[in-house]
Amino acid sequence: MAEPQVQIGSGSNPVDEGDVEMQGGDNGGDVVEVAETGAAAEGVPDQEEKPTQRDAADRLLTQYRSYLKSPMVELLIGSGDSQTLLMAHKALLQKSPFFSEKLASSSSTRIELGDDDLDAVSCFLEYLYTGEYFPHKLPSGSLEHDPSAPKIDDSGAQLLKHARVYTLAEKLVMPVRIISHLNLASFEYVPKLTAFVPFKALKSLSHSKIHLITSTAIAEIAYARYVYSHTTRSDLTIRKPVASFWGQRSHVLRHETEGSFRDMCLAFPEFAFDVLSFVLDAEERRAQRRGDDEVGKSARKRARGA
């Protein structure tokens, strides 16, 4: 069948506005004649033009500038001789419900964070202004090179860096990413703009970086100790991978920890239980795949005193 041809009428056609008239063509195909109607026939657009990317970028830039015009807030980190004073714009800090409540309940522009880690707070502020914190995640999925860190984390320092950011984000209740870089390199008027867009929580960002660290068994024990001492039992996001790691490797790595694995199990029974549960669940799944008849049975096969 020949394809129909579409003809746009001038508007003076006696056909009613908006009607479609089917006519037979000389080549056997159909001709569809459509009369222009309403505002379109008069050269007036029938809907408002959508905002351009540049308009959206300009609004975002204006919003960001308004944040930078807000008053400065002092953050006093640590205690005693190790106290450090950092500063940030009030409007940005108020994106965190924690800081918003602190600022609303007092006329003071100083907030004390005596129990928080300086490096973690610095990472949080960098994230607040730029949408990331060092070392950044690369498009390849790896972390950018940190010249101050060894290739293999043998102490747990790199793992703990991101773990502390994770727990700080939990405390500050950071549900969404405040800022991210919107690459507008294709536009001549601005090569890069800082844009305010929703994104994964800061907790997710820091947690994803933990899994990009190459570490030793000693470092992993230090990380596990921090996780089980600074997170709640319900936080399976960070606890489950720790238990899974040791459940799969404890039969080998425990010999490399110089007794730290045993000490960890005694100090944190929940860790020992989670690791044991992972091992038993894995064995149960293997038995089910083998079709073992004894799976799920609880009958005792030997005497108690045997």
Protein backbone atom coordinates (compact mmCIF):
# COMPACT_ATOMS: atom_id res chain seq x y z
CA MET A 1 0.00 0.00 0.00
CA ALA A 2 1.31 3.42 -0.92
CA GLU A 3 2.11 5.74 1.96
CA PRO A 4 -0.47 8.50 2.55
CA GLN A 5 0.61 12.03 1.64
CA VAL A 6 -0.01 14.89 4.04
CA GLN A 7 -0.95 18.33 2.73
CA ILE A 8 -1.33 21.43 4.92
CA GLY A 9 -4.18 23.65 3.82
CA SER A 10 -4.06 27.44 3.90
CA GLY A 11 -7.03 27.83 6.21
CA SER A 12 -9.33 29.14 3.44
CA ASN A 13 -10.34 25.64 2.48
CA PRO A 14 -14.09 25.14 2.96
CA VAL A 15 -13.29 22.11 5.06
CA ASP A 16 -14.16 22.67 8.71
CA GLU A 17 -11.20 23.64 10.89
CA GLY A 18 -9.41 20.64 12.23
CA ASP A 19 -11.15 18.13 9.90
CA VAL A 20 -9.22 15.48 8.03
CA GLU A 21 -10.34 14.68 4.47
CA MET A 22 -9.30 11.47 2.76
CA GLN A 23 -8.96 11.74 -1.06
CA GLY A 24 -7.89 9.29 -3.67
CA GLY A 25 -4.57 10.11 -5.33
CA ASP A 26 -3.58 9.54 -8.93
CA ASN A 27 -0.97 6.99 -7.93
CA GLY A 28 -3.49 4.91 -6.06
CA GLY A 29 -2.33 6.17 -2.67
CA ASP A 30 -4.35 8.18 -0.21
CA VAL A 31 -3.97 11.93 0.31
CA VAL A 32 -4.69 13.27 3.76
CA GLU A 33 -5.55 16.95 3.79
CA VAL A 34 -5.30 18.70 7.14
CA ALA A 35 -6.52 22.26 7.59
CA GLU A 36 -4.53 24.49 9.97
CA THR A 37 -6.62 25.52 12.90
CA GLY A 38 -6.84 28.17 15.56
CA ALA A 39 -3.71 29.95 16.74
CA ALA A 40 -1.43 27.76 14.64
CA ALA A 41 -3.14 29.03 11.46
CA GLU A 42 -2.48 32.61 12.55
CA GLY A 43 1.21 31.95 13.22
CA VAL A 44 0.82 32.03 17.02
CA PRO A 45 2.34 29.11 19.00
CA ASP A 46 -0.30 26.98 20.67
CA GLN A 47 1.80 26.55 23.85
CA GLU A 48 4.46 28.42 25.72
CA GLU A 49 8.04 27.73 24.76
CA LYS A 50 9.81 25.42 27.22
CA PRO A 51 12.62 26.94 29.30
CA THR A 52 16.04 26.39 27.79
CA GLN A 53 18.93 24.68 29.54
CA ARG A 54 20.57 28.07 29.84
CA ASP A 55 17.53 29.46 31.68
CA ALA A 56 17.66 26.56 34.11
CA ALA A 57 21.40 27.02 34.61
CA ASP A 58 20.95 30.73 35.29
CA ARG A 59 18.35 29.99 37.95
CA LEU A 60 20.63 27.45 39.59
CA LEU A 61 23.52 29.89 39.58
CA THR A 62 21.32 32.56 41.17
CA GLN A 63 20.26 30.09 43.84
CA TYR A 64 23.86 29.13 44.58
CA ARG A 65 24.89 32.78 44.88
CA SER A 66 22.10 33.35 47.38
CA TYR A 67 23.56 30.57 49.51
CA LEU A 68 26.97 32.22 49.42
CA LYS A 69 25.47 35.54 50.55
CA SER A 70 24.17 33.98 53.77
CA PRO A 71 25.98 34.57 57.12
CA MET A 72 28.94 32.45 58.14
CA VAL A 73 28.63 29.86 60.91
CA GLU A 74 31.54 28.71 63.07
CA LEU A 75 32.02 24.99 63.61
CA LEU A 76 34.23 24.11 66.56
CA ILE A 77 35.54 20.58 66.00
CA GLY A 78 37.12 18.42 68.69
CA SER A 79 37.98 19.27 72.28
CA GLY A 80 40.87 20.57 74.35
CA ASP A 81 44.08 21.51 72.62
CA SER A 82 43.02 19.68 69.45
CA GLN A 83 40.03 21.96 68.76
CA THR A 84 39.82 23.34 65.23
CA LEU A 85 37.54 26.10 63.97
CA LEU A 86 35.94 25.72 60.54
CA MET A 87 33.41 28.00 58.88
CA ALA A 88 30.58 27.49 56.42
CA HIS A 89 27.62 29.41 55.00
CA LYS A 90 24.48 29.20 57.08
CA ALA A 91 22.10 28.59 54.17
CA LEU A 92 24.08 25.53 53.09
CA LEU A 93 24.40 24.11 56.60
CA GLN A 94 20.64 24.43 57.04
CA LYS A 95 20.20 21.80 54.35
CA SER A 96 21.10 19.38 57.14
CA PRO A 97 18.21 18.95 59.61
CA PHE A 98 20.81 18.58 62.38
CA PHE A 99 22.35 22.00 61.72
CA SER A 100 18.99 23.55 60.93
CA GLU A 101 17.69 22.58 64.37
CA LYS A 102 20.86 23.79 66.09
CA LEU A 103 20.71 27.18 64.38
CA ALA A 104 16.99 27.60 64.98
CA SER A 105 17.25 26.87 68.71
CA SER A 106 19.98 29.41 69.45
CA SER A 107 20.98 32.92 68.43
CA SER A 108 24.65 31.89 68.45
CA THR A 109 26.44 31.37 65.15
CA ARG A 110 28.86 28.86 66.70
CA ILE A 111 28.16 25.13 66.84
CA GLU A 112 30.37 22.78 68.85
CA LEU A 113 31.08 19.31 67.48
CA GLY A 114 33.32 18.05 70.23
CA ASP A 115 32.89 14.34 69.53
CA ASP A 116 33.25 14.47 65.75
CA ASP A 117 36.30 13.73 63.64
CA LEU A 118 37.94 16.74 61.98
CA ASP A 119 38.68 14.93 58.73
CA ALA A 120 35.11 13.64 58.50
CA VAL A 121 33.64 17.11 59.06
CA SER A 122 36.04 18.54 56.45
CA CYS A 123 34.87 15.90 53.98
CA PHE A 124 31.27 16.77 54.76
CA LEU A 125 31.86 20.47 54.10
CA GLU A 126 33.68 19.71 50.85
CA TYR A 127 30.72 17.58 49.83
CA LEU A 128 28.30 20.33 50.84
CA TYR A 129 29.94 22.83 48.51
CA THR A 130 31.00 20.59 45.63
CA GLY A 131 28.91 17.41 45.76
CA GLU A 132 31.99 15.22 46.35
CA TYR A 133 34.88 14.81 48.75
CA PHE A 134 38.48 13.72 48.24
CA PRO A 135 39.39 11.26 46.90
CA HIS A 136 36.70 11.57 44.24
CA LYS A 137 35.13 8.64 42.42
CA LEU A 138 36.26 8.52 38.81
CA PRO A 139 33.98 7.68 35.85
CA SER A 140 35.80 4.34 35.68
CA GLY A 141 34.43 3.47 39.11
CA SER A 142 37.77 3.72 40.90
CA LEU A 143 39.05 6.38 43.30
CA GLU A 144 41.39 9.13 42.21
CA HIS A 145 44.98 8.79 43.36
CA ASP A 146 45.74 10.01 46.88
CA PRO A 147 49.49 10.66 47.09
CA SER A 148 49.36 10.67 50.89
CA ALA A 149 47.89 7.15 51.11
CA PRO A 150 49.65 3.82 50.43
CA LYS A 151 48.34 1.60 47.64
CA ILE A 152 47.30 -1.00 50.21
CA ASP A 153 45.63 0.10 53.42
CA ASP A 154 47.45 -1.94 56.06
CA SER A 155 46.23 -0.01 59.10
CA GLY A 156 42.58 0.69 58.30
CA ALA A 157 43.11 4.46 57.99
CA GLN A 158 41.57 4.70 54.52
CA LEU A 159 38.63 2.46 55.40
CA LEU A 160 37.99 4.44 58.58
CA LYS A 161 38.11 7.75 56.71
CA HIS A 162 35.02 6.84 54.70
CA ALA A 163 33.39 4.97 57.60
CA ARG A 164 33.56 8.15 59.71
CA VAL A 165 31.98 10.15 56.89
CA TYR A 166 29.24 7.50 56.76
CA THR A 167 28.43 7.77 60.48
CA LEU A 168 28.68 11.57 60.41
CA ALA A 169 26.17 11.65 57.54
CA GLU A 170 23.87 9.51 59.67
CA LYS A 171 24.16 12.02 62.52
CA LEU A 172 23.65 15.06 60.31
CA VAL A 173 20.70 13.42 58.54
CA MET A 174 21.84 14.14 55.01
CA PRO A 175 19.09 12.61 52.84
CA VAL A 176 20.09 14.03 49.46
CA ARG A 177 23.05 15.46 47.69
CA ILE A 178 22.87 19.23 47.86
CA ILE A 179 25.25 20.09 45.05
CA SER A 180 26.74 18.33 42.07
CA HIS A 181 28.65 19.54 39.08
CA LEU A 182 26.52 19.88 35.97
CA ASN A 183 28.78 19.67 32.96
CA LEU A 184 27.69 22.32 30.49
CA ALA A 185 30.87 22.33 28.42
CA SER A 186 28.82 22.31 25.22
CA PHE A 187 27.51 25.78 26.01
CA GLU A 188 29.75 28.75 25.26
CA TYR A 189 28.38 30.96 28.02
CA VAL A 190 29.60 28.78 30.91
CA PRO A 191 31.93 25.74 30.90
CA LYS A 192 30.83 24.34 34.26
CA LEU A 193 28.11 25.23 36.73
CA THR A 194 27.45 24.12 40.27
CA ALA A 195 23.88 22.84 40.27
CA PHE A 196 21.55 21.81 43.05
CA VAL A 197 20.07 18.45 42.17
CA PRO A 198 18.82 15.45 44.16
CA PHE A 199 21.13 12.45 44.33
CA LYS A 200 22.19 9.50 46.39
CA ALA A 201 22.67 10.13 50.08
CA LEU A 202 26.10 11.03 51.38
CA LYS A 203 26.02 7.73 53.26
CA SER A 204 25.77 5.86 49.97
CA LEU A 205 28.65 7.82 48.49
CA SER A 206 30.98 7.15 51.42
CA HIS A 207 29.91 3.51 51.64
CA SER A 208 30.64 2.96 47.96
CA LYS A 209 34.16 4.32 48.44
CA ILE A 210 34.83 1.83 51.24
CA HIS A 211 34.45 -1.01 48.75
CA LEU A 212 37.08 0.54 46.47
CA ILE A 213 39.85 0.34 49.08
CA THR A 214 42.45 -2.44 48.85
CA SER A 215 43.26 -3.49 52.39
CA THR A 216 44.85 -6.13 54.62
CA ALA A 217 43.20 -8.36 57.24
CA ILE A 218 44.43 -6.11 60.04
CA ALA A 219 42.86 -3.09 58.32
CA GLU A 220 39.59 -4.96 57.86
CA ILE A 221 39.46 -5.86 61.57
CA ALA A 222 39.98 -2.19 62.50
CA TYR A 223 37.17 -1.25 60.11
CA ALA A 224 34.85 -3.97 61.46
CA ARG A 225 35.53 -2.81 65.03
CA TYR A 226 34.55 0.76 64.11
CA VAL A 227 31.41 -0.35 62.28
CA TYR A 228 30.12 -2.48 65.15
CA SER A 229 30.91 0.18 67.74
CA HIS A 230 29.42 3.16 65.87
CA THR A 231 26.36 1.80 64.05
CA THR A 232 23.09 0.28 65.20
CA ARG A 233 22.14 -3.35 64.78
CA SER A 234 19.48 -2.37 62.24
CA ASP A 235 22.01 -0.74 59.91
CA LEU A 236 22.38 -3.70 57.58
CA THR A 237 23.69 -1.47 54.79
CA ILE A 238 27.12 -1.30 56.36
CA ARG A 239 27.07 -4.27 58.76
CA LYS A 240 25.98 -7.00 56.36
CA PRO A 241 28.94 -6.56 53.94
CA VAL A 242 31.33 -6.71 56.92
CA ALA A 243 29.83 -9.97 58.16
CA SER A 244 29.80 -11.32 54.60
CA PHE A 245 33.47 -10.44 54.12
CA TRP A 246 34.56 -12.29 57.25
CA GLY A 247 32.10 -15.13 56.70
CA GLN A 248 33.75 -15.90 53.37
CA ARG A 249 37.36 -15.37 54.44
CA SER A 250 37.65 -15.85 58.21
CA HIS A 251 38.97 -19.42 57.85
CA VAL A 252 42.04 -17.92 56.15
CA LEU A 253 42.31 -14.29 57.26
CA ARG A 254 41.89 -14.96 60.98
CA HIS A 255 45.41 -16.39 60.98
CA GLU A 256 46.72 -13.06 59.66
CA THR A 257 45.12 -10.91 62.35
CA GLU A 258 47.43 -11.95 65.21
CA GLY A 259 44.52 -12.71 67.51
CA SER A 260 42.53 -9.60 66.57
CA PHE A 261 39.74 -11.65 65.01
CA ARG A 262 39.23 -13.59 68.26
CA ASP A 263 39.32 -10.37 70.29
CA MET A 264 36.79 -8.82 67.90
CA CYS A 265 34.39 -11.76 68.33
CA LEU A 266 34.64 -11.58 72.12
CA ALA A 267 34.26 -7.80 72.27
CA PHE A 268 31.35 -7.67 69.80
CA PRO A 269 29.13 -10.78 70.08
CA GLU A 270 26.84 -9.34 67.39
CA PHE A 271 29.77 -9.48 64.96
CA ALA A 272 30.47 -13.12 65.85
CA PHE A 273 26.77 -13.98 65.48
CA ASP A 274 26.47 -12.21 62.11
CA VAL A 275 29.56 -14.00 60.75
CA LEU A 276 28.34 -17.38 62.03
CA SER A 277 24.87 -16.77 60.57
CA PHE A 278 26.41 -16.00 57.19
CA VAL A 279 28.44 -19.22 57.26
CA LEU A 280 25.46 -21.37 58.32
CA ASP A 281 23.10 -19.76 55.80
CA ALA A 282 25.63 -20.37 53.02
CA GLU A 283 26.00 -24.02 54.05
CA GLU A 284 22.23 -24.43 54.15
CA ARG A 285 21.90 -23.06 50.61
CA ARG A 286 24.62 -25.42 49.39
CA ALA A 287 22.83 -28.36 51.01
CA GLN A 288 19.56 -27.36 49.37
CA ARG A 289 21.24 -27.24 45.98
CA ARG A 290 22.65 -30.72 46.61
CA GLY A 291 19.20 -31.91 47.60
CA ASP A 292 20.29 -33.20 51.02
CA ASP A 293 17.41 -34.84 52.88
CA GLU A 294 18.63 -33.69 56.27
CA VAL A 295 18.15 -29.96 55.58
CA GLY A 296 15.74 -28.49 58.08
CA LYS A 297 15.60 -31.57 60.32
CA SER A 298 16.30 -31.04 64.02
CA ALA A 299 16.39 -34.67 65.28
CA ARG A 300 19.49 -35.43 67.34
CA LYS A 301 21.75 -38.08 65.77
CA ARG A 302 24.08 -38.74 68.70
CA ALA A 303 23.97 -39.02 72.47
CA ARG A 304 24.41 -35.85 74.49
CA GLY A 305 27.48 -37.17 76.24
CA ALA A 306 29.19 -38.42 73.08
